Amino acid sequence: MKTIIKKDDKIFISTGKESGKTGKVVHVYPLKGKVLVSGLNNAKRHIRPNRDVPQGGIIEREMPISISNVQLFCGKCNKGVRAGVKRLPDNSKMRFCRKCESEI
């Protein structure tokens, strides 16, 4: 499954419990159709004592969000937008905002 969203993109979360927030993509899981966003969609996990966490306990960590629930964030429009892909004269690709036609 191809995605327009890539690592280090700024995105806007359009639906779900974190809707209306923006964040930076840490990791993309294209086969699962999910993205990991820094600081958002935290979940509490119970961890047994082990070498990494000797005391064990409850740890908060970020969980992936479905790609269908996020949009690329356009700095010029200052909101989440649909994105398109253009071919440049040197045969490279460029992502752009469909609303204001600016490069993302």
PDB file of N, CA and C in Angstrom:
ATOM      1  N   MET A   1       0.844  -1.175   0.000  1.00  0.00           N
ATOM      2  CA  MET A   1       0.000   0.000   0.000  1.00  0.00           C
ATOM      3  C   MET A   1       0.893   1.242   0.000  1.00  0.00           C
ATOM      4  N   LYS A   2       0.725   2.117  -0.987  1.00  0.00           N
ATOM      5  CA  LYS A   2       1.510   3.342  -1.097  1.00  0.00           C
ATOM      6  C   LYS A   2       0.889   4.415  -0.223  1.00  0.00           C
ATOM      7  N   THR A   3       1.751   5.221   0.413  1.00  0.00           N
ATOM      8  CA  THR A   3       1.253   6.323   1.224  1.00  0.00           C
ATOM      9  C   THR A   3       1.959   7.611   0.832  1.00  0.00           C
ATOM     10  N   ILE A   4       1.269   8.720   0.978  1.00  0.00           N
ATOM     11  CA  ILE A   4       1.865  10.031   0.727  1.00  0.00           C
ATOM     12  C   ILE A   4       2.577  10.507   1.980  1.00  0.00           C
ATOM     13  N   ILE A   5       2.166  10.010   3.125  1.00  0.00           N
ATOM     14  CA  ILE A   5       2.746  10.448   4.398  1.00  0.00           C
ATOM     15  C   ILE A   5       4.075   9.736   4.612  1.00  0.00           C
ATOM     16  N   LYS A   6       5.091  10.530   4.995  1.00  0.00           N
ATOM     17  CA  LYS A   6       6.426   9.991   5.208  1.00  0.00           C
ATOM     18  C   LYS A   6       6.932  10.381   6.594  1.00  0.00           C
ATOM     19  N   LYS A   7       8.040   9.777   6.995  1.00  0.00           N
ATOM     20  CA  LYS A   7       8.656  10.079   8.281  1.00  0.00           C
ATOM     21  C   LYS A   7       9.045  11.561   8.338  1.00  0.00           C
ATOM     22  N   ASP A   8       8.910  12.175   9.508  1.00  0.00           N
ATOM     23  CA  ASP A   8       9.221  13.583   9.791  1.00  0.00           C
ATOM     24  C   ASP A   8       8.240  14.569   9.170  1.00  0.00           C
ATOM     25  N   ASP A   9       7.109  14.108   8.617  1.00  0.00           N
ATOM     26  CA  ASP A   9       6.068  15.016   8.134  1.00  0.00           C
ATOM     27  C   ASP A   9       5.284  15.563   9.310  1.00  0.00           C
ATOM     28  N   LYS A  10       4.771  16.791   9.165  1.00  0.00           N
ATOM     29  CA  LYS A  10       3.861  17.337  10.155  1.00  0.00           C
ATOM     30  C   LYS A  10       2.458  16.966   9.692  1.00  0.00           C
ATOM     31  N   ILE A  11       1.674  16.359  10.598  1.00  0.00           N
ATOM     32  CA  ILE A  11       0.336  15.914  10.212  1.00  0.00           C
ATOM     33  C   ILE A  11      -0.722  16.477  11.155  1.00  0.00           C
ATOM     34  N   PHE A  12      -1.948  16.434  10.675  1.00  0.00           N
ATOM     35  CA  PHE A  12      -3.125  16.873  11.419  1.00  0.00           C
ATOM     36  C   PHE A  12      -4.013  15.654  11.605  1.00  0.00           C
ATOM     37  N   ILE A  13      -4.450  15.405  12.848  1.00  0.00           N
ATOM     38  CA  ILE A  13      -5.318  14.257  13.121  1.00  0.00           C
ATOM     39  C   ILE A  13      -6.766  14.711  12.981  1.00  0.00           C
ATOM     40  N   SER A  14      -7.481  14.100  12.028  1.00  0.00           N
ATOM     41  CA  SER A  14      -8.826  14.570  11.693  1.00  0.00           C
ATOM     42  C   SER A  14      -9.930  13.865  12.475  1.00  0.00           C
ATOM     43  N   THR A  15      -9.732  12.614  12.901  1.00  0.00           N
ATOM     44  CA  THR A  15     -10.777  11.902  13.637  1.00  0.00           C
ATOM     45  C   THR A  15     -10.174  11.125  14.791  1.00  0.00           C
ATOM     46  N   GLY A  16     -11.028  10.690  15.691  1.00  0.00           N
ATOM     47  CA  GLY A  16     -10.583   9.895  16.831  1.00  0.00           C
ATOM     48  C   GLY A  16     -10.446  10.726  18.090  1.00  0.00           C
ATOM     49  N   LYS A  17      -9.917  10.118  19.148  1.00  0.00           N
ATOM     50  CA  LYS A  17      -9.824  10.800  20.434  1.00  0.00           C
ATOM     51  C   LYS A  17      -8.807  11.934  20.426  1.00  0.00           C
ATOM     52  N   GLU A  18      -7.868  11.926  19.497  1.00  0.00           N
ATOM     53  CA  GLU A  18      -6.848  12.967  19.396  1.00  0.00           C
ATOM     54  C   GLU A  18      -7.174  13.972  18.293  1.00  0.00           C
ATOM     55  N   SER A  19      -8.422  14.028  17.813  1.00  0.00           N
ATOM     56  CA  SER A  19      -8.759  14.876  16.671  1.00  0.00           C
ATOM     57  C   SER A  19      -8.494  16.348  16.971  1.00  0.00           C
ATOM     58  N   GLY A  20      -8.041  17.051  15.929  1.00  0.00           N
ATOM     59  CA  GLY A  20      -7.737  18.473  16.035  1.00  0.00           C
ATOM     60  C   GLY A  20      -6.307  18.774  16.444  1.00  0.00           C
ATOM     61  N   LYS A  21      -5.519  17.757  16.745  1.00  0.00           N
ATOM     62  CA  LYS A  21      -4.136  17.971  17.176  1.00  0.00           C
ATOM     63  C   LYS A  21      -3.182  17.745  16.008  1.00  0.00           C
ATOM     64  N   THR A  22      -2.002  18.349  16.115  1.00  0.00           N
ATOM     65  CA  THR A  22      -0.970  18.144  15.107  1.00  0.00           C
ATOM     66  C   THR A  22       0.242  17.505  15.750  1.00  0.00           C
ATOM     67  N   GLY A  23       1.033  16.825  14.950  1.00  0.00           N
ATOM     68  CA  GLY A  23       2.230  16.174  15.462  1.00  0.00           C
ATOM     69  C   GLY A  23       3.171  15.791  14.340  1.00  0.00           C
ATOM     70  N   LYS A  24       4.309  15.232  14.721  1.00  0.00           N
ATOM     71  CA  LYS A  24       5.340  14.838  13.774  1.00  0.00           C
ATOM     72  C   LYS A  24       5.379  13.317  13.680  1.00  0.00           C
ATOM     73  N   VAL A  25       5.456  12.795  12.467  1.00  0.00           N
ATOM     74  CA  VAL A  25       5.470  11.353  12.241  1.00  0.00           C
ATOM     75  C   VAL A  25       6.837  10.797  12.623  1.00  0.00           C
ATOM     76  N   VAL A  26       6.832   9.787  13.484  1.00  0.00           N
ATOM     77  CA  VAL A  26       8.056   9.123  13.917  1.00  0.00           C
ATOM     78  C   VAL A  26       8.343   7.902  13.048  1.00  0.00           C
ATOM     79  N   HIS A  27       7.288   7.156  12.712  1.00  0.00           N
ATOM     80  CA  HIS A  27       7.462   5.922  11.942  1.00  0.00           C
ATOM     81  C   HIS A  27       6.201   5.670  11.132  1.00  0.00           C
ATOM     82  N   VAL A  28       6.368   5.110   9.925  1.00  0.00           N
ATOM     83  CA  VAL A  28       5.237   4.754   9.058  1.00  0.00           C
ATOM     84  C   VAL A  28       5.239   3.243   8.870  1.00  0.00           C
ATOM     85  N   TYR A  29       4.068   2.628   9.055  1.00  0.00           N
ATOM     86  CA  TYR A  29       3.888   1.192   8.834  1.00  0.00           C
ATOM     87  C   TYR A  29       2.993   1.024   7.598  1.00  0.00           C
ATOM     88  N   PRO A  30       3.565   1.028   6.373  1.00  0.00           N
ATOM     89  CA  PRO A  30       2.728   1.019   5.170  1.00  0.00           C
ATOM     90  C   PRO A  30       1.906  -0.254   4.985  1.00  0.00           C
ATOM     91  N   LEU A  31       2.419  -1.411   5.397  1.00  0.00           N
ATOM     92  CA  LEU A  31       1.658  -2.646   5.217  1.00  0.00           C
ATOM     93  C   LEU A  31       0.466  -2.710   6.163  1.00  0.00           C
ATOM     94  N   LYS A  32       0.589  -2.131   7.356  1.00  0.00           N
ATOM     95  CA  LYS A  32      -0.518  -2.096   8.308  1.00  0.00           C
ATOM     96  C   LYS A  32      -1.423  -0.898   8.085  1.00  0.00           C
ATOM     97  N   GLY A  33      -0.958   0.105   7.334  1.00  0.00           N
ATOM     98  CA  GLY A  33      -1.739   1.321   7.093  1.00  0.00           C
ATOM     99  C   GLY A  33      -1.813   2.196   8.329  1.00  0.00           C
ATOM    100  N   LYS A  34      -0.700   2.297   9.068  1.00  0.00           N
ATOM    101  CA  LYS A  34      -0.681   3.073  10.308  1.00  0.00           C
ATOM    102  C   LYS A  34       0.556   3.961  10.367  1.00  0.00           C
ATOM    103  N   VAL A  35       0.463   5.019  11.195  1.00  0.00           N
ATOM    104  CA  VAL A  35       1.596   5.906  11.452  1.00  0.00           C
ATOM    105  C   VAL A  35       1.748   6.086  12.950  1.00  0.00           C
ATOM    106  N   LEU A  36       2.986   6.301  13.393  1.00  0.00           N
ATOM    107  CA  LEU A  36       3.285   6.562  14.793  1.00  0.00           C
ATOM    108  C   LEU A  36       3.621   8.041  14.901  1.00  0.00           C
ATOM    109  N   VAL A  37       2.878   8.777  15.742  1.00  0.00           N
ATOM    110  CA  VAL A  37       3.047  10.214  15.882  1.00  0.00           C
ATOM    111  C   VAL A  37       3.607  10.512  17.266  1.00  0.00           C
ATOM    112  N   SER A  38       4.621  11.378  17.328  1.00  0.00           N
ATOM    113  CA  SER A  38       5.269  11.649  18.616  1.00  0.00           C
ATOM    114  C   SER A  38       4.340  12.421  19.544  1.00  0.00           C
ATOM    115  N   GLY A  39       4.210  11.928  20.763  1.00  0.00           N
ATOM    116  CA  GLY A  39       3.443  12.601  21.807  1.00  0.00           C
ATOM    117  C   GLY A  39       1.935  12.427  21.737  1.00  0.00           C
ATOM    118  N   LEU A  40       1.419  11.678  20.770  1.00  0.00           N
ATOM    119  CA  LEU A  40      -0.034  11.522  20.629  1.00  0.00           C
ATOM    120  C   LEU A  40      -0.426  10.047  20.679  1.00  0.00           C
ATOM    121  N   ASN A  41      -1.688   9.800  21.035  1.00  0.00           N
ATOM    122  CA  ASN A  41      -2.274   8.459  21.121  1.00  0.00           C
ATOM    123  C   ASN A  41      -1.498   7.578  22.102  1.00  0.00           C
ATOM    124  N   ASN A  42      -1.293   8.088  23.312  1.00  0.00           N
ATOM    125  CA  ASN A  42      -0.586   7.341  24.347  1.00  0.00           C
ATOM    126  C   ASN A  42      -1.503   6.298  24.976  1.00  0.00           C
ATOM    127  N   ALA A  43      -0.924   5.152  25.304  1.00  0.00           N
ATOM    128  CA  ALA A  43      -1.660   4.084  25.975  1.00  0.00           C
ATOM    129  C   ALA A  43      -0.817   3.589  27.144  1.00  0.00           C
ATOM    130  N   LYS A  44      -1.479   3.121  28.187  1.00  0.00           N
ATOM    131  CA  LYS A  44      -0.770   2.588  29.344  1.00  0.00           C
ATOM    132  C   LYS A  44      -0.603   1.091  29.179  1.00  0.00           C
ATOM    133  N   ARG A  45       0.608   0.609  29.400  1.00  0.00           N
ATOM    134  CA  ARG A  45       0.925  -0.801  29.285  1.00  0.00           C
ATOM    135  C   ARG A  45       1.512  -1.285  30.606  1.00  0.00           C
ATOM    136  N   HIS A  46       1.073  -2.451  31.061  1.00  0.00           N
ATOM    137  CA  HIS A  46       1.608  -3.045  32.278  1.00  0.00           C
ATOM    138  C   HIS A  46       2.833  -3.873  31.897  1.00  0.00           C
ATOM    139  N   ILE A  47       3.956  -3.566  32.520  1.00  0.00           N
ATOM    140  CA  ILE A  47       5.223  -4.207  32.190  1.00  0.00           C
ATOM    141  C   ILE A  47       5.711  -5.032  33.378  1.00  0.00           C
ATOM    142  N   ARG A  48       6.092  -6.281  33.116  1.00  0.00           N
ATOM    143  CA  ARG A  48       6.714  -7.117  34.153  1.00  0.00           C
ATOM    144  C   ARG A  48       8.143  -6.649  34.383  1.00  0.00           C
ATOM    145  N   PRO A  49       8.671  -6.873  35.565  1.00  0.00           N
ATOM    146  CA  PRO A  49      10.086  -6.543  35.776  1.00  0.00           C
ATOM    147  C   PRO A  49      10.971  -7.349  34.825  1.00  0.00           C
ATOM    148  N   ASN A  50      11.899  -6.665  34.178  1.00  0.00           N
ATOM    149  CA  ASN A  50      12.861  -7.317  33.297  1.00  0.00           C
ATOM    150  C   ASN A  50      14.170  -6.522  33.317  1.00  0.00           C
ATOM    151  N   ARG A  51      15.088  -6.847  32.464  1.00  0.00           N
ATOM    152  CA  ARG A  51      16.392  -6.197  32.472  1.00  0.00           C
ATOM    153  C   ARG A  51      16.292  -4.702  32.147  1.00  0.00           C
ATOM    154  N   ASP A  52      15.412  -4.343  31.213  1.00  0.00           N
ATOM    155  CA  ASP A  52      15.253  -2.939  30.826  1.00  0.00           C
ATOM    156  C   ASP A  52      14.517  -2.133  31.885  1.00  0.00           C
ATOM    157  N   VAL A  53      13.480  -2.718  32.480  1.00  0.00           N
ATOM    158  CA  VAL A  53      12.666  -2.046  33.498  1.00  0.00           C
ATOM    159  C   VAL A  53      12.701  -2.919  34.744  1.00  0.00           C
ATOM    160  N   PRO A  54      13.718  -2.724  35.609  1.00  0.00           N
ATOM    161  CA  PRO A  54      13.863  -3.638  36.757  1.00  0.00           C
ATOM    162  C   PRO A  54      12.702  -3.602  37.744  1.00  0.00           C
ATOM    163  N   GLN A  55      12.031  -2.452  37.903  1.00  0.00           N
ATOM    164  CA  GLN A  55      10.943  -2.376  38.872  1.00  0.00           C
ATOM    165  C   GLN A  55       9.589  -2.750  38.270  1.00  0.00           C
ATOM    166  N   GLY A  56       9.496  -2.807  36.916  1.00  0.00           N
ATOM    167  CA  GLY A  56       8.214  -3.113  36.291  1.00  0.00           C
ATOM    168  C   GLY A  56       7.268  -1.936  36.445  1.00  0.00           C
ATOM    169  N   GLY A  57       5.972  -2.168  36.344  1.00  0.00           N
ATOM    170  CA  GLY A  57       4.988  -1.119  36.567  1.00  0.00           C
ATOM    171  C   GLY A  57       4.187  -0.784  35.321  1.00  0.00           C
ATOM    172  N   ILE A  58       3.564   0.400  35.360  1.00  0.00           N
ATOM    173  CA  ILE A  58       2.716   0.871  34.270  1.00  0.00           C
ATOM    174  C   ILE A  58       3.497   1.925  33.492  1.00  0.00           C
ATOM    175  N   ILE A  59       3.601   1.719  32.186  1.00  0.00           N
ATOM    176  CA  ILE A  59       4.368   2.617  31.329  1.00  0.00           C
ATOM    177  C   ILE A  59       3.454   3.150  30.237  1.00  0.00           C
ATOM    178  N   GLU A  60       3.563   4.461  29.960  1.00  0.00           N
ATOM    179  CA  GLU A  60       2.816   5.049  28.856  1.00  0.00           C
ATOM    180  C   GLU A  60       3.681   5.019  27.613  1.00  0.00           C
ATOM    181  N   ARG A  61       3.089   4.596  26.482  1.00  0.00           N
ATOM    182  CA  ARG A  61       3.827   4.637  25.230  1.00  0.00           C
ATOM    183  C   ARG A  61       2.896   4.986  24.081  1.00  0.00           C
ATOM    184  N   GLU A  62       3.487   5.491  23.005  1.00  0.00           N
ATOM    185  CA  GLU A  62       2.714   5.920  21.845  1.00  0.00           C
ATOM    186  C   GLU A  62       2.267   4.701  21.037  1.00  0.00           C
ATOM    187  N   MET A  63       1.040   4.758  20.564  1.00  0.00           N
ATOM    188  CA  MET A  63       0.493   3.677  19.756  1.00  0.00           C
ATOM    189  C   MET A  63       0.202   4.211  18.345  1.00  0.00           C
ATOM    190  N   PRO A  64       0.250   3.328  17.337  1.00  0.00           N
ATOM    191  CA  PRO A  64       0.008   3.776  15.963  1.00  0.00           C
ATOM    192  C   PRO A  64      -1.430   4.240  15.737  1.00  0.00           C
ATOM    193  N   ILE A  65      -1.574   5.165  14.773  1.00  0.00           N
ATOM    194  CA  ILE A  65      -2.872   5.705  14.361  1.00  0.00           C
ATOM    195  C   ILE A  65      -3.086   5.316  12.901  1.00  0.00           C
ATOM    196  N   SER A  66      -4.306   5.024  12.522  1.00  0.00           N
ATOM    197  CA  SER A  66      -4.607   4.658  11.144  1.00  0.00           C
ATOM    198  C   SER A  66      -4.325   5.838  10.208  1.00  0.00           C
ATOM    199  N   ILE A  67      -3.762   5.536   9.047  1.00  0.00           N
ATOM    200  CA  ILE A  67      -3.432   6.583   8.075  1.00  0.00           C
ATOM    201  C   ILE A  67      -4.697   7.281   7.591  1.00  0.00           C
ATOM    202  N   SER A  68      -5.835   6.588   7.601  1.00  0.00           N
ATOM    203  CA  SER A  68      -7.085   7.195   7.145  1.00  0.00           C
ATOM    204  C   SER A  68      -7.572   8.284   8.099  1.00  0.00           C
ATOM    205  N   ASN A  69      -7.030   8.331   9.320  1.00  0.00           N
ATOM    206  CA  ASN A  69      -7.447   9.331  10.301  1.00  0.00           C
ATOM    207  C   ASN A  69      -6.537  10.548  10.354  1.00  0.00           C
ATOM    208  N   VAL A  70      -5.531  10.619   9.488  1.00  0.00           N
ATOM    209  CA  VAL A  70      -4.606  11.754   9.510  1.00  0.00           C
ATOM    210  C   VAL A  70      -4.513  12.394   8.132  1.00  0.00           C
ATOM    211  N   GLN A  71      -4.135  13.685   8.124  1.00  0.00           N
ATOM    212  CA  GLN A  71      -3.918  14.430   6.891  1.00  0.00           C
ATOM    213  C   GLN A  71      -2.601  15.173   7.005  1.00  0.00           C
ATOM    214  N   LEU A  72      -1.980  15.460   5.867  1.00  0.00           N
ATOM    215  CA  LEU A  72      -0.783  16.287   5.883  1.00  0.00           C
ATOM    216  C   LEU A  72      -1.154  17.695   6.320  1.00  0.00           C
ATOM    217  N   PHE A  73      -0.261  18.353   7.055  1.00  0.00           N
ATOM    218  CA  PHE A  73      -0.510  19.702   7.567  1.00  0.00           C
ATOM    219  C   PHE A  73       0.169  20.699   6.638  1.00  0.00           C
ATOM    220  N   CYS A  74      -0.601  21.643   6.110  1.00  0.00           N
ATOM    221  CA  CYS A  74      -0.068  22.696   5.239  1.00  0.00           C
ATOM    222  C   CYS A  74       0.213  23.926   6.092  1.00  0.00           C
ATOM    223  N   GLY A  75       1.459  24.377   6.097  1.00  0.00           N
ATOM    224  CA  GLY A  75       1.836  25.552   6.888  1.00  0.00           C
ATOM    225  C   GLY A  75       1.222  26.839   6.355  1.00  0.00           C
ATOM    226  N   LYS A  76       1.002  26.904   5.055  1.00  0.00           N
ATOM    227  CA  LYS A  76       0.426  28.111   4.447  1.00  0.00           C
ATOM    228  C   LYS A  76      -1.069  28.227   4.752  1.00  0.00           C
ATOM    229  N   CYS A  77      -1.803  27.105   4.630  1.00  0.00           N
ATOM    230  CA  CYS A  77      -3.239  27.087   4.944  1.00  0.00           C
ATOM    231  C   CYS A  77      -3.466  27.012   6.448  1.00  0.00           C
ATOM    232  N   ASN A  78      -2.461  26.512   7.186  1.00  0.00           N
ATOM    233  CA  ASN A  78      -2.518  26.332   8.643  1.00  0.00           C
ATOM    234  C   ASN A  78      -3.612  25.354   9.066  1.00  0.00           C
ATOM    235  N   LYS A  79      -3.773  24.273   8.280  1.00  0.00           N
ATOM    236  CA  LYS A  79      -4.716  23.217   8.633  1.00  0.00           C
ATOM    237  C   LYS A  79      -4.385  21.953   7.860  1.00  0.00           C
ATOM    238  N   GLY A  80      -5.076  20.861   8.183  1.00  0.00           N
ATOM    239  CA  GLY A  80      -4.882  19.602   7.480  1.00  0.00           C
ATOM    240  C   GLY A  80      -5.507  19.662   6.105  1.00  0.00           C
ATOM    241  N   VAL A  81      -4.797  19.184   5.100  1.00  0.00           N
ATOM    242  CA  VAL A  81      -5.280  19.271   3.720  1.00  0.00           C
ATOM    243  C   VAL A  81      -5.052  17.962   2.979  1.00  0.00           C
ATOM    244  N   ARG A  82      -5.765  17.813   1.862  1.00  0.00           N
ATOM    245  CA  ARG A  82      -5.487  16.707   0.964  1.00  0.00           C
ATOM    246  C   ARG A  82      -4.231  17.054   0.175  1.00  0.00           C
ATOM    247  N   ALA A  83      -3.479  16.057  -0.173  1.00  0.00           N
ATOM    248  CA  ALA A  83      -2.225  16.290  -0.885  1.00  0.00           C
ATOM    249  C   ALA A  83      -2.262  15.616  -2.241  1.00  0.00           C
ATOM    250  N   GLY A  84      -1.528  16.199  -3.172  1.00  0.00           N
ATOM    251  CA  GLY A  84      -1.383  15.625  -4.495  1.00  0.00           C
ATOM    252  C   GLY A  84       0.094  15.467  -4.806  1.00  0.00           C
ATOM    253  N   VAL A  85       0.387  14.796  -5.911  1.00  0.00           N
ATOM    254  CA  VAL A  85       1.775  14.585  -6.323  1.00  0.00           C
ATOM    255  C   VAL A  85       1.931  15.091  -7.751  1.00  0.00           C
ATOM    256  N   LYS A  86       2.957  15.930  -7.970  1.00  0.00           N
ATOM    257  CA  LYS A  86       3.259  16.461  -9.298  1.00  0.00           C
ATOM    258  C   LYS A  86       4.608  15.926  -9.755  1.00  0.00           C
ATOM    259  N   ARG A  87       4.758  15.759 -11.057  1.00  0.00           N
ATOM    260  CA  ARG A  87       6.055  15.431 -11.646  1.00  0.00           C
ATOM    261  C   ARG A  87       6.712  16.740 -12.063  1.00  0.00           C
ATOM    262  N   LEU A  88       7.948  16.949 -11.655  1.00  0.00           N
ATOM    263  CA  LEU A  88       8.708  18.136 -12.018  1.00  0.00           C
ATOM    264  C   LEU A  88       9.439  17.891 -13.338  1.00  0.00           C
ATOM    265  N   PRO A  89       9.928  18.961 -13.998  1.00  0.00           N
ATOM    266  CA  PRO A  89      10.631  18.780 -15.283  1.00  0.00           C
ATOM    267  C   PRO A  89      11.847  17.843 -15.204  1.00  0.00           C
ATOM    268  N   ASP A  90      12.510  17.782 -14.033  1.00  0.00           N
ATOM    269  CA  ASP A  90      13.664  16.886 -13.899  1.00  0.00           C
ATOM    270  C   ASP A  90      13.241  15.454 -13.552  1.00  0.00           C
ATOM    271  N   ASN A  91      11.938  15.156 -13.713  1.00  0.00           N
ATOM    272  CA  ASN A  91      11.350  13.825 -13.520  1.00  0.00           C
ATOM    273  C   ASN A  91      11.315  13.375 -12.056  1.00  0.00           C
ATOM    274  N   SER A  92      11.439  14.299 -11.103  1.00  0.00           N
ATOM    275  CA  SER A  92      11.267  13.965  -9.695  1.00  0.00           C
ATOM    276  C   SER A  92       9.840  14.302  -9.280  1.00  0.00           C
ATOM    277  N   LYS A  93       9.429  13.788  -8.123  1.00  0.00           N
ATOM    278  CA  LYS A  93       8.063  14.011  -7.653  1.00  0.00           C
ATOM    279  C   LYS A  93       8.043  15.060  -6.545  1.00  0.00           C
ATOM    280  N   MET A  94       6.933  15.808  -6.457  1.00  0.00           N
ATOM    281  CA  MET A  94       6.765  16.816  -5.421  1.00  0.00           C
ATOM    282  C   MET A  94       5.346  16.712  -4.874  1.00  0.00           C
ATOM    283  N   ARG A  95       5.215  16.734  -3.550  1.00  0.00           N
ATOM    284  CA  ARG A  95       3.887  16.734  -2.927  1.00  0.00           C
ATOM    285  C   ARG A  95       3.422  18.178  -2.781  1.00  0.00           C
ATOM    286  N   PHE A  96       2.132  18.409  -3.010  1.00  0.00           N
ATOM    287  CA  PHE A  96       1.612  19.770  -2.911  1.00  0.00           C
ATOM    288  C   PHE A  96       0.242  19.779  -2.266  1.00  0.00           C
ATOM    289  N   CYS A  97      -0.123  20.940  -1.729  1.00  0.00           N
ATOM    290  CA  CYS A  97      -1.430  21.147  -1.096  1.00  0.00           C
ATOM    291  C   CYS A  97      -2.447  21.364  -2.204  1.00  0.00           C
ATOM    292  N   ARG A  98      -3.549  20.635  -2.169  1.00  0.00           N
ATOM    293  CA  ARG A  98      -4.579  20.782  -3.209  1.00  0.00           C
ATOM    294  C   ARG A  98      -5.384  22.070  -3.065  1.00  0.00           C
ATOM    295  N   LYS A  99      -5.324  22.701  -1.901  1.00  0.00           N
ATOM    296  CA  LYS A  99      -6.104  23.915  -1.676  1.00  0.00           C
ATOM    297  C   LYS A  99      -5.361  25.155  -2.180  1.00  0.00           C
ATOM    298  N   CYS A 100      -4.084  25.309  -1.751  1.00  0.00           N
ATOM    299  CA  CYS A 100      -3.351  26.536  -2.095  1.00  0.00           C
ATOM    300  C   CYS A 100      -2.229  26.286  -3.097  1.00  0.00           C
ATOM    301  N   GLU A 101      -2.065  25.048  -3.561  1.00  0.00           N
ATOM    302  CA  GLU A 101      -1.058  24.662  -4.556  1.00  0.00           C
ATOM    303  C   GLU A 101       0.392  24.874  -4.095  1.00  0.00           C
ATOM    304  N   SER A 102       0.619  25.044  -2.780  1.00  0.00           N
ATOM    305  CA  SER A 102       1.989  25.232  -2.297  1.00  0.00           C
ATOM    306  C   SER A 102       2.635  23.869  -2.029  1.00  0.00           C
ATOM    307  N   GLU A 103       3.967  23.846  -2.047  1.00  0.00           N
ATOM    308  CA  GLU A 103       4.710  22.606  -1.825  1.00  0.00           C
ATOM    309  C   GLU A 103       4.661  22.234  -0.354  1.00  0.00           C
ATOM    310  N   ILE A 104       4.525  20.943  -0.082  1.00  0.00           N
ATOM    311  CA  ILE A 104       4.513  20.475   1.308  1.00  0.00           C
ATOM    312  C   ILE A 104       5.875  19.888   1.612  1.00  0.00           C
TER     313      ILE A 104
END
